[in-house]
Amino acid sequence: MFDLAFQSRRRAASQAWLEPNTHDRIRQLPAEGIHDVIIVPIGFLLEHTEVIYDLDVEAAGLCDELGST
């Protein structure tokens, strides 16, 4: 199975942004019986610091909180 989610919301919360947000989608997965996740960025494919932080730190931390790998 694959899914598409968007990261890096850098606008005010009152402004529309692409959905679903990566973290919101990760939070939904356990309820769907999904506990293992592979996240592959399709933009900024070179080691861009923002992508590294968003995925390797924030999203990985969220998965740890939810008991996912």
PDB file of N, CA and C in Angstrom:
ATOM      1  N   MET A   1       0.835  -1.168   0.000  1.00  0.00           N
ATOM      2  CA  MET A   1       0.000   0.000   0.000  1.00  0.00           C
ATOM      3  C   MET A   1       0.885   1.238   0.000  1.00  0.00           C
ATOM      4  N   PHE A   2       0.430   2.287  -0.636  1.00  0.00           N
ATOM      5  CA  PHE A   2       1.156   3.546  -0.551  1.00  0.00           C
ATOM      6  C   PHE A   2       0.145   4.663  -0.346  1.00  0.00           C
ATOM      7  N   ASP A   3       0.641   5.777   0.119  1.00  0.00           N
ATOM      8  CA  ASP A   3      -0.199   6.939   0.372  1.00  0.00           C
ATOM      9  C   ASP A   3       0.642   8.180   0.131  1.00  0.00           C
ATOM     10  N   LEU A   4       0.013   9.301  -0.025  1.00  0.00           N
ATOM     11  CA  LEU A   4       0.708  10.557  -0.248  1.00  0.00           C
ATOM     12  C   LEU A   4       0.293  11.544   0.832  1.00  0.00           C
ATOM     13  N   ALA A   5       1.278  12.170   1.468  1.00  0.00           N
ATOM     14  CA  ALA A   5       1.025  13.198   2.479  1.00  0.00           C
ATOM     15  C   ALA A   5       2.021  14.327   2.262  1.00  0.00           C
ATOM     16  N   PHE A   6       1.743  15.458   2.846  1.00  0.00           N
ATOM     17  CA  PHE A   6       2.546  16.650   2.614  1.00  0.00           C
ATOM     18  C   PHE A   6       3.150  17.157   3.917  1.00  0.00           C
ATOM     19  N   GLN A   7       4.369  17.636   3.840  1.00  0.00           N
ATOM     20  CA  GLN A   7       5.070  18.159   5.006  1.00  0.00           C
ATOM     21  C   GLN A   7       5.380  19.631   4.801  1.00  0.00           C
ATOM     22  N   SER A   8       6.032  20.201   5.785  1.00  0.00           N
ATOM     23  CA  SER A   8       6.607  21.542   5.686  1.00  0.00           C
ATOM     24  C   SER A   8       5.592  22.654   5.544  1.00  0.00           C
ATOM     25  N   ARG A   9       4.575  22.639   6.355  1.00  0.00           N
ATOM     26  CA  ARG A   9       3.630  23.754   6.362  1.00  0.00           C
ATOM     27  C   ARG A   9       4.349  24.959   6.944  1.00  0.00           C
ATOM     28  N   ARG A  10       4.596  25.945   6.146  1.00  0.00           N
ATOM     29  CA  ARG A  10       5.315  27.134   6.599  1.00  0.00           C
ATOM     30  C   ARG A  10       4.460  28.388   6.460  1.00  0.00           C
ATOM     31  N   ARG A  11       3.153  28.195   6.442  1.00  0.00           N
ATOM     32  CA  ARG A  11       2.225  29.320   6.356  1.00  0.00           C
ATOM     33  C   ARG A  11       1.464  29.430   7.659  1.00  0.00           C
ATOM     34  N   ALA A  12       0.772  30.550   7.835  1.00  0.00           N
ATOM     35  CA  ALA A  12      -0.064  30.723   9.017  1.00  0.00           C
ATOM     36  C   ALA A  12      -1.154  29.654   9.025  1.00  0.00           C
ATOM     37  N   ALA A  13      -1.538  29.208  10.212  1.00  0.00           N
ATOM     38  CA  ALA A  13      -2.543  28.152  10.337  1.00  0.00           C
ATOM     39  C   ALA A  13      -3.870  28.539   9.691  1.00  0.00           C
ATOM     40  N   SER A  14      -4.139  29.825   9.547  1.00  0.00           N
ATOM     41  CA  SER A  14      -5.391  30.272   8.948  1.00  0.00           C
ATOM     42  C   SER A  14      -5.397  30.122   7.420  1.00  0.00           C
ATOM     43  N   GLN A  15      -4.239  29.888   6.819  1.00  0.00           N
ATOM     44  CA  GLN A  15      -4.146  29.739   5.371  1.00  0.00           C
ATOM     45  C   GLN A  15      -4.204  28.262   4.984  1.00  0.00           C
ATOM     46  N   ALA A  16      -4.920  27.970   3.921  1.00  0.00           N
ATOM     47  CA  ALA A  16      -5.057  26.591   3.444  1.00  0.00           C
ATOM     48  C   ALA A  16      -3.690  26.027   3.046  1.00  0.00           C
ATOM     49  N   TRP A  17      -3.524  24.726   3.230  1.00  0.00           N
ATOM     50  CA  TRP A  17      -2.286  24.054   2.860  1.00  0.00           C
ATOM     51  C   TRP A  17      -2.643  22.689   2.288  1.00  0.00           C
ATOM     52  N   LEU A  18      -1.707  22.042   1.683  1.00  0.00           N
ATOM     53  CA  LEU A  18      -1.943  20.727   1.093  1.00  0.00           C
ATOM     54  C   LEU A  18      -2.249  19.709   2.182  1.00  0.00           C
ATOM     55  N   GLU A  19      -3.184  18.845   1.937  1.00  0.00           N
ATOM     56  CA  GLU A  19      -3.591  17.838   2.909  1.00  0.00           C
ATOM     57  C   GLU A  19      -3.528  16.453   2.273  1.00  0.00           C
ATOM     58  N   PRO A  20      -3.335  15.420   3.047  1.00  0.00           N
ATOM     59  CA  PRO A  20      -3.171  15.407   4.484  1.00  0.00           C
ATOM     60  C   PRO A  20      -1.734  15.747   4.872  1.00  0.00           C
ATOM     61  N   ASN A  21      -1.569  16.298   6.053  1.00  0.00           N
ATOM     62  CA  ASN A  21      -0.266  16.592   6.605  1.00  0.00           C
ATOM     63  C   ASN A  21       0.401  15.271   6.993  1.00  0.00           C
ATOM     64  N   THR A  22       1.699  15.186   6.836  1.00  0.00           N
ATOM     65  CA  THR A  22       2.427  13.950   7.136  1.00  0.00           C
ATOM     66  C   THR A  22       2.140  13.454   8.547  1.00  0.00           C
ATOM     67  N   HIS A  23       2.231  14.336   9.542  1.00  0.00           N
ATOM     68  CA  HIS A  23       2.021  13.914  10.931  1.00  0.00           C
ATOM     69  C   HIS A  23       0.575  13.498  11.179  1.00  0.00           C
ATOM     70  N   ASP A  24      -0.369  14.205  10.589  1.00  0.00           N
ATOM     71  CA  ASP A  24      -1.781  13.815  10.744  1.00  0.00           C
ATOM     72  C   ASP A  24      -2.007  12.421  10.158  1.00  0.00           C
ATOM     73  N   ARG A  25      -1.402  12.166   9.008  1.00  0.00           N
ATOM     74  CA  ARG A  25      -1.573  10.855   8.359  1.00  0.00           C
ATOM     75  C   ARG A  25      -0.940   9.746   9.192  1.00  0.00           C
ATOM     76  N   ILE A  26       0.251  10.004   9.750  1.00  0.00           N
ATOM     77  CA  ILE A  26       0.910   9.010  10.598  1.00  0.00           C
ATOM     78  C   ILE A  26       0.020   8.682  11.791  1.00  0.00           C
ATOM     79  N   ARG A  27      -0.629   9.689  12.373  1.00  0.00           N
ATOM     80  CA  ARG A  27      -1.514   9.471  13.527  1.00  0.00           C
ATOM     81  C   ARG A  27      -2.715   8.584  13.166  1.00  0.00           C
ATOM     82  N   GLN A  28      -3.158   8.605  11.924  1.00  0.00           N
ATOM     83  CA  GLN A  28      -4.317   7.822  11.492  1.00  0.00           C
ATOM     84  C   GLN A  28      -3.973   6.354  11.239  1.00  0.00           C
ATOM     85  N   LEU A  29      -2.741   6.047  10.952  1.00  0.00           N
ATOM     86  CA  LEU A  29      -2.359   4.713  10.499  1.00  0.00           C
ATOM     87  C   LEU A  29      -2.608   3.599  11.514  1.00  0.00           C
ATOM     88  N   PRO A  30      -2.311   3.776  12.813  1.00  0.00           N
ATOM     89  CA  PRO A  30      -2.565   2.673  13.753  1.00  0.00           C
ATOM     90  C   PRO A  30      -4.027   2.220  13.768  1.00  0.00           C
ATOM     91  N   ALA A  31      -4.958   3.150  13.623  1.00  0.00           N
ATOM     92  CA  ALA A  31      -6.383   2.796  13.599  1.00  0.00           C
ATOM     93  C   ALA A  31      -6.731   1.960  12.368  1.00  0.00           C
ATOM     94  N   GLU A  32      -5.894   2.037  11.345  1.00  0.00           N
ATOM     95  CA  GLU A  32      -6.094   1.258  10.115  1.00  0.00           C
ATOM     96  C   GLU A  32      -5.293  -0.040  10.147  1.00  0.00           C
ATOM     97  N   GLY A  33      -4.673  -0.336  11.302  1.00  0.00           N
ATOM     98  CA  GLY A  33      -3.894  -1.554  11.444  1.00  0.00           C
ATOM     99  C   GLY A  33      -2.499  -1.465  10.857  1.00  0.00           C
ATOM    100  N   ILE A  34      -2.037  -0.275  10.560  1.00  0.00           N
ATOM    101  CA  ILE A  34      -0.711  -0.091   9.970  1.00  0.00           C
ATOM    102  C   ILE A  34       0.238   0.392  11.062  1.00  0.00           C
ATOM    103  N   HIS A  35       1.312  -0.382  11.287  1.00  0.00           N
ATOM    104  CA  HIS A  35       2.251  -0.060  12.354  1.00  0.00           C
ATOM    105  C   HIS A  35       3.684   0.087  11.861  1.00  0.00           C
ATOM    106  N   ASP A  36       3.924  -0.159  10.605  1.00  0.00           N
ATOM    107  CA  ASP A  36       5.243   0.007  10.013  1.00  0.00           C
ATOM    108  C   ASP A  36       5.120   0.989   8.853  1.00  0.00           C
ATOM    109  N   VAL A  37       6.003   1.977   8.840  1.00  0.00           N
ATOM    110  CA  VAL A  37       5.903   3.061   7.859  1.00  0.00           C
ATOM    111  C   VAL A  37       7.267   3.322   7.230  1.00  0.00           C
ATOM    112  N   ILE A  38       7.281   3.501   5.949  1.00  0.00           N
ATOM    113  CA  ILE A  38       8.465   3.974   5.239  1.00  0.00           C
ATOM    114  C   ILE A  38       8.079   5.306   4.608  1.00  0.00           C
ATOM    115  N   ILE A  39       8.834   6.342   4.912  1.00  0.00           N
ATOM    116  CA  ILE A  39       8.550   7.669   4.359  1.00  0.00           C
ATOM    117  C   ILE A  39       9.627   7.992   3.341  1.00  0.00           C
ATOM    118  N   VAL A  40       9.197   8.324   2.131  1.00  0.00           N
ATOM    119  CA  VAL A  40      10.122   8.645   1.048  1.00  0.00           C
ATOM    120  C   VAL A  40       9.789  10.036   0.525  1.00  0.00           C
ATOM    121  N   PRO A  41      10.669  11.008   0.731  1.00  0.00           N
ATOM    122  CA  PRO A  41      10.399  12.350   0.207  1.00  0.00           C
ATOM    123  C   PRO A  41      10.545  12.369  -1.311  1.00  0.00           C
ATOM    124  N   ILE A  42       9.645  13.063  -1.981  1.00  0.00           N
ATOM    125  CA  ILE A  42       9.743  13.152  -3.438  1.00  0.00           C
ATOM    126  C   ILE A  42      10.237  14.527  -3.877  1.00  0.00           C
ATOM    127  N   GLY A  43      10.430  15.404  -2.931  1.00  0.00           N
ATOM    128  CA  GLY A  43      11.009  16.713  -3.215  1.00  0.00           C
ATOM    129  C   GLY A  43      12.251  16.884  -2.364  1.00  0.00           C
ATOM    130  N   PHE A  44      13.123  17.784  -2.729  1.00  0.00           N
ATOM    131  CA  PHE A  44      14.360  18.021  -1.980  1.00  0.00           C
ATOM    132  C   PHE A  44      15.118  16.711  -1.786  1.00  0.00           C
ATOM    133  N   LEU A  45      15.345  15.982  -2.843  1.00  0.00           N
ATOM    134  CA  LEU A  45      15.934  14.656  -2.725  1.00  0.00           C
ATOM    135  C   LEU A  45      17.386  14.667  -2.274  1.00  0.00           C
ATOM    136  N   LEU A  46      18.054  15.788  -2.392  1.00  0.00           N
ATOM    137  CA  LEU A  46      19.397  15.872  -1.832  1.00  0.00           C
ATOM    138  C   LEU A  46      19.240  16.149  -0.350  1.00  0.00           C
ATOM    139  N   GLU A  47      20.218  15.854   0.432  1.00  0.00           N
ATOM    140  CA  GLU A  47      20.096  15.934   1.883  1.00  0.00           C
ATOM    141  C   GLU A  47      19.795  17.350   2.347  1.00  0.00           C
ATOM    142  N   HIS A  48      18.593  17.740   2.188  1.00  0.00           N
ATOM    143  CA  HIS A  48      18.125  19.058   2.594  1.00  0.00           C
ATOM    144  C   HIS A  48      17.815  19.023   4.089  1.00  0.00           C
ATOM    145  N   THR A  49      18.354  19.951   4.842  1.00  0.00           N
ATOM    146  CA  THR A  49      18.231  19.950   6.298  1.00  0.00           C
ATOM    147  C   THR A  49      16.782  19.921   6.762  1.00  0.00           C
ATOM    148  N   GLU A  50      15.902  20.629   6.097  1.00  0.00           N
ATOM    149  CA  GLU A  50      14.490  20.657   6.491  1.00  0.00           C
ATOM    150  C   GLU A  50      13.856  19.274   6.385  1.00  0.00           C
ATOM    151  N   VAL A  51      14.143  18.567   5.302  1.00  0.00           N
ATOM    152  CA  VAL A  51      13.589  17.227   5.104  1.00  0.00           C
ATOM    153  C   VAL A  51      14.152  16.279   6.155  1.00  0.00           C
ATOM    154  N   ILE A  52      15.424  16.359   6.411  1.00  0.00           N
ATOM    155  CA  ILE A  52      16.042  15.498   7.419  1.00  0.00           C
ATOM    156  C   ILE A  52      15.372  15.712   8.771  1.00  0.00           C
ATOM    157  N   TYR A  53      15.181  16.964   9.154  1.00  0.00           N
ATOM    158  CA  TYR A  53      14.553  17.241  10.456  1.00  0.00           C
ATOM    159  C   TYR A  53      13.092  16.793  10.475  1.00  0.00           C
ATOM    160  N   ASP A  54      12.329  17.169   9.457  1.00  0.00           N
ATOM    161  CA  ASP A  54      10.902  16.838   9.416  1.00  0.00           C
ATOM    162  C   ASP A  54      10.661  15.331   9.467  1.00  0.00           C
ATOM    163  N   LEU A  55      11.453  14.567   8.737  1.00  0.00           N
ATOM    164  CA  LEU A  55      11.215  13.131   8.649  1.00  0.00           C
ATOM    165  C   LEU A  55      12.030  12.331   9.656  1.00  0.00           C
ATOM    166  N   ASP A  56      13.326  12.583   9.728  1.00  0.00           N
ATOM    167  CA  ASP A  56      14.191  11.768  10.581  1.00  0.00           C
ATOM    168  C   ASP A  56      14.066  12.117  12.061  1.00  0.00           C
ATOM    169  N   VAL A  57      13.611  13.306  12.383  1.00  0.00           N
ATOM    170  CA  VAL A  57      13.476  13.687  13.789  1.00  0.00           C
ATOM    171  C   VAL A  57      12.002  13.738  14.196  1.00  0.00           C
ATOM    172  N   GLU A  58      11.233  14.630  13.572  1.00  0.00           N
ATOM    173  CA  GLU A  58       9.838  14.814  13.997  1.00  0.00           C
ATOM    174  C   GLU A  58       8.955  13.606  13.688  1.00  0.00           C
ATOM    175  N   ALA A  59       8.948  13.150  12.445  1.00  0.00           N
ATOM    176  CA  ALA A  59       8.082  12.024  12.075  1.00  0.00           C
ATOM    177  C   ALA A  59       8.529  10.745  12.776  1.00  0.00           C
ATOM    178  N   ALA A  60       9.821  10.520  12.898  1.00  0.00           N
ATOM    179  CA  ALA A  60      10.315   9.339  13.615  1.00  0.00           C
ATOM    180  C   ALA A  60       9.919   9.389  15.080  1.00  0.00           C
ATOM    181  N   GLY A  61       9.984  10.564  15.689  1.00  0.00           N
ATOM    182  CA  GLY A  61       9.551  10.719  17.079  1.00  0.00           C
ATOM    183  C   GLY A  61       8.067  10.436  17.245  1.00  0.00           C
ATOM    184  N   LEU A  62       7.265  10.899  16.296  1.00  0.00           N
ATOM    185  CA  LEU A  62       5.832  10.642  16.338  1.00  0.00           C
ATOM    186  C   LEU A  62       5.548   9.147  16.230  1.00  0.00           C
ATOM    187  N   CYS A  63       6.251   8.468  15.338  1.00  0.00           N
ATOM    188  CA  CYS A  63       6.079   7.013  15.205  1.00  0.00           C
ATOM    189  C   CYS A  63       6.451   6.316  16.508  1.00  0.00           C
ATOM    190  N   ASP A  64       7.510   6.756  17.164  1.00  0.00           N
ATOM    191  CA  ASP A  64       7.901   6.170  18.449  1.00  0.00           C
ATOM    192  C   ASP A  64       6.791   6.357  19.474  1.00  0.00           C
ATOM    193  N   GLU A  65       6.195   7.553  19.536  1.00  0.00           N
ATOM    194  CA  GLU A  65       5.112   7.828  20.471  1.00  0.00           C
ATOM    195  C   GLU A  65       3.926   6.895  20.228  1.00  0.00           C
ATOM    196  N   LEU A  66       3.656   6.599  18.962  1.00  0.00           N
ATOM    197  CA  LEU A  66       2.501   5.776  18.604  1.00  0.00           C
ATOM    198  C   LEU A  66       2.821   4.285  18.625  1.00  0.00           C
ATOM    199  N   GLY A  67       4.069   3.927  18.905  1.00  0.00           N
ATOM    200  CA  GLY A  67       4.447   2.525  18.950  1.00  0.00           C
ATOM    201  C   GLY A  67       4.686   1.929  17.585  1.00  0.00           C
ATOM    202  N   SER A  68       4.876   2.775  16.570  1.00  0.00           N
ATOM    203  CA  SER A  68       5.135   2.303  15.209  1.00  0.00           C
ATOM    204  C   SER A  68       6.634   2.271  14.965  1.00  0.00           C
ATOM    205  N   THR A  69       7.021   1.654  13.859  1.00  0.00           N
ATOM    206  CA  THR A  69       8.436   1.633  13.482  1.00  0.00           C
ATOM    207  C   THR A  69       8.614   2.253  12.134  1.00  0.00           C
TER     208      THR A  69
END
